[in-house]
C-alpha atoms as a PDB file:
ATOM      1  CA  MET A   1     164.936 120.497  74.438  1.00  0.00           C
ATOM      2  CA  ILE A   2     163.172 124.992  74.667  1.00  0.00           C
ATOM      3  CA  VAL A   3     165.266 128.196  73.412  1.00  0.00           C
ATOM      4  CA  THR A   4     164.123 130.475  75.253  1.00  0.00           C
ATOM      5  CA  HIS A   5     164.929 134.279  74.421  1.00  0.00           C
ATOM      6  CA  SER A   6     163.975 136.590  77.806  1.00  0.00           C
ATOM      7  CA  ALA A   7     163.256 136.600  80.849  1.00  0.00           C
ATOM      8  CA  SER A   8     158.992 136.805  79.822  1.00  0.00           C
ATOM      9  CA  GLU A   9     160.145 133.803  77.914  1.00  0.00           C
ATOM     10  CA  THR A  10     161.079 132.046  80.477  1.00  0.00           C
ATOM     11  CA  GLN A  11     157.978 132.468  82.660  1.00  0.00           C
ATOM     12  CA  ALA A  12     156.132 131.157  80.135  1.00  0.00           C
ATOM     13  CA  LEU A  13     157.164 127.935  79.208  1.00  0.00           C
ATOM     14  CA  GLY A  14     156.269 128.510  83.495  1.00  0.00           C
ATOM     15  CA  LYS A  15     153.147 129.192  82.546  1.00  0.00           C
ATOM     16  CA  ARG A  16     153.031 125.952  80.570  1.00  0.00           C
ATOM     17  CA  LEU A  17     154.770 123.892  82.912  1.00  0.00           C
ATOM     18  CA  ALA A  18     151.916 124.801  85.308  1.00  0.00           C
ATOM     19  CA  GLU A  19     149.535 123.654  83.455  1.00  0.00           C
ATOM     20  CA  GLN A  20     150.114 120.664  83.838  1.00  0.00           C
ATOM     21  CA  LEU A  21     151.758 119.855  87.415  1.00  0.00           C
ATOM     22  CA  ARG A  22     149.374 118.945  89.799  1.00  0.00           C
ATOM     23  CA  ALA A  23     149.315 118.245  93.766  1.00  0.00           C
ATOM     24  CA  GLY A  24     152.133 116.145  95.298  1.00  0.00           C
ATOM     25  CA  ASP A  25     155.135 117.268  92.319  1.00  0.00           C
ATOM     26  CA  VAL A  26     158.388 117.570  92.890  1.00  0.00           C
ATOM     27  CA  ILE A  27     160.320 119.641  90.172  1.00  0.00           C
ATOM     28  CA  LEU A  28     164.427 119.875  90.376  1.00  0.00           C
ATOM     29  CA  LEU A  29     165.264 123.605  88.868  1.00  0.00           C
ATOM     30  CA  GLU A  30     169.215 122.348  87.575  1.00  0.00           C
ATOM     31  CA  GLY A  31     171.191 125.612  86.308  1.00  0.00           C
ATOM     32  CA  GLU A  32     173.929 127.985  87.367  1.00  0.00           C
ATOM     33  CA  LEU A  33     173.574 131.331  88.556  1.00  0.00           C
ATOM     34  CA  GLY A  34     171.690 133.584  86.116  1.00  0.00           C
ATOM     35  CA  ALA A  35     170.252 130.718  83.719  1.00  0.00           C
ATOM     36  CA  GLY A  36     166.924 131.923  85.451  1.00  0.00           C
ATOM     37  CA  LYS A  37     165.428 129.651  87.657  1.00  0.00           C
ATOM     38  CA  SER A  38     164.129 132.210  89.537  1.00  0.00           C
ATOM     39  CA  GLU A  39     161.818 133.406  86.835  1.00  0.00           C
ATOM     40  CA  LEU A  40     161.159 130.302  85.344  1.00  0.00           C
ATOM     41  CA  ALA A  41     159.732 129.617  88.937  1.00  0.00           C
ATOM     42  CA  ARG A  42     157.744 132.475  88.581  1.00  0.00           C
ATOM     43  CA  GLY A  43     156.710 131.971  85.871  1.00  0.00           C
ATOM     44  CA  VAL A  44     154.639 128.865  87.405  1.00  0.00           C
ATOM     45  CA  ALA A  45     153.679 130.437  90.041  1.00  0.00           C
ATOM     46  CA  LYS A  46     151.657 132.942  87.075  1.00  0.00           C
ATOM     47  CA  GLY A  47     150.458 130.036  85.904  1.00  0.00           C
ATOM     48  CA  LEU A  48     149.630 128.470  89.000  1.00  0.00           C
ATOM     49  CA  GLY A  49     147.319 132.080  90.096  1.00  0.00           C
ATOM     50  CA  VAL A  50     149.255 132.702  92.962  1.00  0.00           C
ATOM     51  CA  GLN A  51     148.726 136.623  93.984  1.00  0.00           C
ATOM     52  CA  GLU A  52     152.354 137.511  95.645  1.00  0.00           C
ATOM     53  CA  THR A  53     155.664 138.413  94.649  1.00  0.00           C
ATOM     54  CA  VAL A  54     157.537 135.642  93.982  1.00  0.00           C
ATOM     55  CA  THR A  55     161.122 135.931  95.348  1.00  0.00           C
ATOM     56  CA  SER A  56     164.113 133.930  94.726  1.00  0.00           C
ATOM     57  CA  PRO A  57     164.603 131.954  98.579  1.00  0.00           C
ATOM     58  CA  SER A  58     168.396 132.542  98.263  1.00  0.00           C
ATOM     59  CA  PHE A  59     168.316 133.353 102.251  1.00  0.00           C
ATOM     60  CA  THR A  60     164.865 131.339 104.149  1.00  0.00           C
ATOM     61  CA  ILE A  61     165.616 128.215 101.842  1.00  0.00           C
ATOM     62  CA  LEU A  62     161.903 127.594 101.507  1.00  0.00           C
ATOM     63  CA  ASN A  63     159.337 130.687 100.657  1.00  0.00           C
ATOM     64  CA  VAL A  64     155.384 129.506 100.886  1.00  0.00           C
ATOM     65  CA  TYR A  65     152.818 130.498  98.608  1.00  0.00           C
ATOM     66  CA  GLU A  66     149.501 129.419  99.122  1.00  0.00           C
ATOM     67  CA  SER A  67     147.512 131.746  96.741  1.00  0.00           C
ATOM     68  CA  GLY A  68     147.469 130.119  94.498  1.00  0.00           C
ATOM     69  CA  SER A  69     145.592 127.077  92.628  1.00  0.00           C
ATOM     70  CA  VAL A  70     147.239 124.478  95.173  1.00  0.00           C
ATOM     71  CA  PRO A  71     150.357 125.828  97.435  1.00  0.00           C
ATOM     72  CA  LEU A  72     153.662 126.652  95.382  1.00  0.00           C
ATOM     73  CA  TYR A  73     156.613 125.685  98.007  1.00  0.00           C
ATOM     74  CA  HIS A  74     159.835 127.184  96.545  1.00  0.00           C
ATOM     75  CA  PHE A  75     163.091 126.200  98.029  1.00  0.00           C
ATOM     76  CA  ASP A  76     166.740 127.002  97.853  1.00  0.00           C
ATOM     77  CA  TRP A  77     168.806 124.448  98.949  1.00  0.00           C
ATOM     78  CA  TYR A  78     172.611 126.206  98.036  1.00  0.00           C
ATOM     79  CA  ARG A  79     173.433 127.254 101.675  1.00  0.00           C
ATOM     80  CA  LEU A  80     171.907 123.539 102.906  1.00  0.00           C
ATOM     81  CA  GLU A  81     175.342 121.361 103.731  1.00  0.00           C
ATOM     82  CA  SER A  82     173.495 117.635 103.439  1.00  0.00           C
ATOM     83  CA  ALA A  83     169.830 116.335 103.729  1.00  0.00           C
ATOM     84  CA  GLU A  84     170.198 116.227 107.664  1.00  0.00           C
ATOM     85  CA  GLU A  85     169.448 120.314 107.642  1.00  0.00           C
ATOM     86  CA  LEU A  86     166.402 119.920 105.519  1.00  0.00           C
ATOM     87  CA  TYR A  87     164.520 117.402 107.794  1.00  0.00           C
ATOM     88  CA  GLU A  88     165.586 118.151 110.730  1.00  0.00           C
ATOM     89  CA  LEU A  89     164.417 122.188 110.077  1.00  0.00           C
ATOM     90  CA  GLY A  90     160.832 119.981 109.329  1.00  0.00           C
ATOM     91  CA  MET A  91     160.842 121.387 105.382  1.00  0.00           C
ATOM     92  CA  ASP A  92     161.571 117.975 104.065  1.00  0.00           C
ATOM     93  CA  GLU A  93     157.167 117.063 104.300  1.00  0.00           C
ATOM     94  CA  TYR A  94     156.647 119.890 101.051  1.00  0.00           C
ATOM     95  CA  LEU A  95     158.110 116.791  98.974  1.00  0.00           C
ATOM     96  CA  GLY A  96     154.757 115.577  98.006  1.00  0.00           C
ATOM     97  CA  GLY A  97     152.760 116.973  99.909  1.00  0.00           C
ATOM     98  CA  ASP A  98     149.637 118.749  99.145  1.00  0.00           C
ATOM     99  CA  GLY A  99     151.176 121.138  96.869  1.00  0.00           C
ATOM    100  CA  ILE A 100     153.641 122.025  94.171  1.00  0.00           C
ATOM    101  CA  ALA A 101     157.647 121.694  94.863  1.00  0.00           C
ATOM    102  CA  LEU A 102     160.237 123.973  92.887  1.00  0.00           C
ATOM    103  CA  VAL A 103     163.677 122.867  93.800  1.00  0.00           C
ATOM    104  CA  GLU A 104     166.197 125.443  93.171  1.00  0.00           C
ATOM    105  CA  TRP A 105     169.404 123.678  93.706  1.00  0.00           C
ATOM    106  CA  PRO A 106     168.749 120.244  93.313  1.00  0.00           C
ATOM    107  CA  GLY A 107     171.999 118.919  93.782  1.00  0.00           C
ATOM    108  CA  ARG A 108     173.337 120.446  97.506  1.00  0.00           C
ATOM    109  CA  CYS A 109     170.507 117.380  98.729  1.00  0.00           C
ATOM    110  CA  PRO A 110     170.262 114.760  96.551  1.00  0.00           C
ATOM    111  CA  ASP A 111     169.449 111.905  99.857  1.00  0.00           C
ATOM    112  CA  ALA A 112     166.361 114.468  99.798  1.00  0.00           C
ATOM    113  CA  VAL A 113     165.343 114.079  96.465  1.00  0.00           C
ATOM    114  CA  PRO A 114     162.369 111.568  96.388  1.00  0.00           C
ATOM    115  CA  GLU A 115     162.573 109.207  92.886  1.00  0.00           C
ATOM    116  CA  ASP A 116     159.425 110.429  91.477  1.00  0.00           C
ATOM    117  CA  CYS A 117     160.401 114.237  89.755  1.00  0.00           C
ATOM    118  CA  LEU A 118     160.735 116.367  86.823  1.00  0.00           C
ATOM    119  CA  ARG A 119     164.204 117.561  86.561  1.00  0.00           C
ATOM    120  CA  ILE A 120     164.702 120.819  84.917  1.00  0.00           C
ATOM    121  CA  CYS A 121     168.200 122.383  83.068  1.00  0.00           C
ATOM    122  CA  ILE A 122     168.492 125.294  82.438  1.00  0.00           C
ATOM    123  CA  GLU A 123     171.472 127.141  80.562  1.00  0.00           C
ATOM    124  CA  ALA A 124     172.600 130.313  79.441  1.00  0.00           C
ATOM    125  CA  THR A 125     173.714 130.504  75.706  1.00  0.00           C
ATOM    126  CA  GLY A 126     174.002 133.812  75.399  1.00  0.00           C
ATOM    127  CA  GLU A 127     172.677 136.930  77.959  1.00  0.00           C
ATOM    128  CA  ASN A 128     169.212 136.421  77.346  1.00  0.00           C
ATOM    129  CA  THR A 129     169.070 132.911  75.126  1.00  0.00           C
ATOM    130  CA  ARG A 130     168.145 130.084  77.413  1.00  0.00           C
ATOM    131  CA  ARG A 131     168.550 126.123  76.302  1.00  0.00           C
ATOM    132  CA  ILE A 132     165.631 124.756  78.732  1.00  0.00           C
ATOM    133  CA  THR A 133     165.414 120.116  78.474  1.00  0.00           C
ATOM    134  CA  GLU A 134     162.998 118.330  80.513  1.00  0.00           C
ATOM    135  CA  GLU A 135     164.552 114.818  82.640  1.00  0.00           C
ATOM    136  CA  THR A 136     161.000 112.502  84.130  1.00  0.00           C
ATOM    137  CA  ARG A 137     162.643 111.106  86.813  1.00  0.00           C
ATOM    138  CA  GLY A 138     160.854 107.426  88.791  1.00  0.00           C
ATOM    139  CA  ARG A 139     157.070 106.774  87.815  1.00  0.00           C
ATOM    140  CA  PHE A 140     156.974 110.903  87.057  1.00  0.00           C
ATOM    141  CA  ARG A 141     154.683 111.403  84.282  1.00  0.00           C
ATOM    142  CA  GLU A 142     155.233 113.186  80.879  1.00  0.00           C
ATOM    143  CA  ILE A 143     155.233 116.255  80.814  1.00  0.00           C
ATOM    144  CA  SER A 144     155.703 118.294  77.393  1.00  0.00           C
ATOM    145  CA  LEU A 145     157.443 122.295  77.593  1.00  0.00           C
ATOM    146  CA  ASP A 146     157.080 122.461  74.083  1.00  0.00           C
END
């Protein structure tokens, strides 16, 4: 577990996480609205060298960033009703593919979540303070957020 005290600290954590990621990795970002999932995603993007402005994919479901060292696929499944929608849109091919997939709101489509992934939970414990924990699932290698 790690505690951050500002959005910039959460982004810095994302940058450190990016140093440990590789193509094919799927990262689940869980937390309530405003917890800091997108801030962590911005940090991962910076750590990968993404040049574009990273925005929450709330309405587009998927934002693709290809200017970094590997492609970054940033999902927001909040508006999906089922995994079938994800499959119909052809977006499932980005999970475990040639880039890194960050998935916000993975609980909306649990059937689409790969067995091997990293789950990161972000909990707001104050106005700017966040408690962040990680859990590897399946055969996903150990990652350290420290």
